[in-house]
Structure formats: structure tokens, C-alpha cells
Amino acid sequence: MTRPKPFTWIAAAIFALMGLAHIIRLFTNLQVILGSHSVPMWVSYVAIVITAFMSWMLCREARGARPNEP
């Protein structure tokens, strides 16, 4: 039996919320400006992929899933 990993679940939820924020940004055309630079919309596409992958991997780790071993 594996021990519960609450901080791993919290990190997975945070990454999922960050991905959701980027999805909302794409649908609402929200412009993000950092200093004098405007962040292009394509950055959100990349961020969605990265945050979804990290959230998925953290969920697997929290459940104690192991890769397939031969």
C-alpha cells in the first residue's frame, strides 16, 4: 500500500488550473502584457500542453502508478 501524497495532488491541481487559465485566455482573446512586451497567443498553446502533461504525470505519481516493466 502506498502512502497518500497530498502535496503531489495539490501540485497536480495547480498545474491543471494553470492549463485551464490558458484555455480561458485562448477563448476570450485576453491580452497579457509584461512590462512593455505583449505575450503572443501561441505561448498559451505550448503552456496548455506542458501543464496538462505535468498534471497528468503528477496524478500518476500520487496514485503510485508504475511504468510497465517487462
C-alpha atoms as a PDB file:
ATOM      1  CA  MET A   1       0.000   0.000   0.000  1.00  0.00           C
ATOM      2  CA  THR A   2       1.334   3.416  -0.902  1.00  0.00           C
ATOM      3  CA  ARG A   3       1.143   6.410   1.375  1.00  0.00           C
ATOM      4  CA  PRO A   4      -1.141   9.274   0.366  1.00  0.00           C
ATOM      5  CA  LYS A   5       0.732  12.165  -1.227  1.00  0.00           C
ATOM      6  CA  PRO A   6      -1.340  15.294  -0.610  1.00  0.00           C
ATOM      7  CA  PHE A   7       1.276  17.755  -1.841  1.00  0.00           C
ATOM      8  CA  THR A   8       1.583  15.883  -5.115  1.00  0.00           C
ATOM      9  CA  TRP A   9      -2.195  16.072  -5.569  1.00  0.00           C
ATOM     10  CA  ILE A  10      -2.102  19.809  -4.762  1.00  0.00           C
ATOM     11  CA  ALA A  11       0.668  20.377  -7.330  1.00  0.00           C
ATOM     12  CA  ALA A  12      -1.335  18.412  -9.935  1.00  0.00           C
ATOM     13  CA  ALA A  13      -4.404  20.574  -9.230  1.00  0.00           C
ATOM     14  CA  ILE A  14      -2.368  23.773  -9.540  1.00  0.00           C
ATOM     15  CA  PHE A  15      -0.983  22.702 -12.916  1.00  0.00           C
ATOM     16  CA  ALA A  16      -4.496  21.768 -14.063  1.00  0.00           C
ATOM     17  CA  LEU A  17      -5.782  25.210 -13.039  1.00  0.00           C
ATOM     18  CA  MET A  18      -2.922  26.885 -14.872  1.00  0.00           C
ATOM     19  CA  GLY A  19      -3.817  24.949 -18.013  1.00  0.00           C
ATOM     20  CA  LEU A  20      -7.461  25.934 -17.595  1.00  0.00           C
ATOM     21  CA  ALA A  21      -6.429  29.594 -17.297  1.00  0.00           C
ATOM     22  CA  HIS A  22      -4.575  29.326 -20.611  1.00  0.00           C
ATOM     23  CA  ILE A  23      -7.612  27.713 -22.257  1.00  0.00           C
ATOM     24  CA  ILE A  24      -9.777  30.573 -20.986  1.00  0.00           C
ATOM     25  CA  ARG A  25      -7.204  33.052 -22.325  1.00  0.00           C
ATOM     26  CA  LEU A  26      -7.491  31.496 -25.793  1.00  0.00           C
ATOM     27  CA  PHE A  27     -11.291  31.603 -25.837  1.00  0.00           C
ATOM     28  CA  THR A  28     -11.553  35.159 -24.509  1.00  0.00           C
ATOM     29  CA  ASN A  29      -8.628  36.610 -26.516  1.00  0.00           C
ATOM     30  CA  LEU A  30      -7.193  38.045 -23.317  1.00  0.00           C
ATOM     31  CA  GLN A  31      -4.019  40.031 -23.968  1.00  0.00           C
ATOM     32  CA  VAL A  32      -1.188  39.611 -21.469  1.00  0.00           C
ATOM     33  CA  ILE A  33       1.378  42.392 -21.252  1.00  0.00           C
ATOM     34  CA  LEU A  34       4.581  42.005 -19.246  1.00  0.00           C
ATOM     35  CA  GLY A  35       6.345  45.323 -18.933  1.00  0.00           C
ATOM     36  CA  SER A  36       6.441  46.696 -22.463  1.00  0.00           C
ATOM     37  CA  HIS A  37       6.065  43.284 -24.165  1.00  0.00           C
ATOM     38  CA  SER A  38       2.868  41.598 -25.277  1.00  0.00           C
ATOM     39  CA  VAL A  39       2.803  37.809 -24.797  1.00  0.00           C
ATOM     40  CA  PRO A  40       1.709  36.103 -28.048  1.00  0.00           C
ATOM     41  CA  MET A  41      -1.249  33.721 -28.047  1.00  0.00           C
ATOM     42  CA  TRP A  42       0.860  30.772 -29.237  1.00  0.00           C
ATOM     43  CA  VAL A  43       2.513  30.735 -25.810  1.00  0.00           C
ATOM     44  CA  SER A  44      -0.809  29.554 -24.354  1.00  0.00           C
ATOM     45  CA  TYR A  45      -0.927  26.585 -26.740  1.00  0.00           C
ATOM     46  CA  VAL A  46       2.516  25.499 -25.569  1.00  0.00           C
ATOM     47  CA  ALA A  47       1.587  26.128 -21.920  1.00  0.00           C
ATOM     48  CA  ILE A  48      -1.573  24.012 -22.219  1.00  0.00           C
ATOM     49  CA  VAL A  49       0.413  21.028 -23.468  1.00  0.00           C
ATOM     50  CA  ILE A  50       3.101  21.410 -20.801  1.00  0.00           C
ATOM     51  CA  THR A  51       0.724  21.953 -17.866  1.00  0.00           C
ATOM     52  CA  ALA A  52      -1.583  19.106 -18.954  1.00  0.00           C
ATOM     53  CA  PHE A  53       1.373  16.719 -19.215  1.00  0.00           C
ATOM     54  CA  MET A  54       2.776  17.762 -15.839  1.00  0.00           C
ATOM     55  CA  SER A  55      -0.620  17.498 -14.144  1.00  0.00           C
ATOM     56  CA  TRP A  56      -1.169  14.037 -15.642  1.00  0.00           C
ATOM     57  CA  MET A  57       2.258  12.820 -14.565  1.00  0.00           C
ATOM     58  CA  LEU A  58       1.798  14.182 -11.029  1.00  0.00           C
ATOM     59  CA  CYS A  59      -1.560  12.402 -10.756  1.00  0.00           C
ATOM     60  CA  ARG A  60       0.099   9.151 -11.812  1.00  0.00           C
ATOM     61  CA  GLU A  61       2.836   9.673  -9.239  1.00  0.00           C
ATOM     62  CA  ALA A  62       0.333  10.451  -6.486  1.00  0.00           C
ATOM     63  CA  ARG A  63      -1.567   7.233  -7.247  1.00  0.00           C
ATOM     64  CA  GLY A  64       1.647   5.248  -7.194  1.00  0.00           C
ATOM     65  CA  ALA A  65       1.371   4.112 -10.822  1.00  0.00           C
ATOM     66  CA  ARG A  66       4.455   2.354 -12.121  1.00  0.00           C
ATOM     67  CA  PRO A  67       5.614   2.155 -15.723  1.00  0.00           C
ATOM     68  CA  ASN A  68       5.120  -1.171 -17.484  1.00  0.00           C
ATOM     69  CA  GLU A  69       8.009  -3.439 -16.662  1.00  0.00           C
ATOM     70  CA  PRO A  70       8.897  -6.385 -18.929  1.00  0.00           C
END
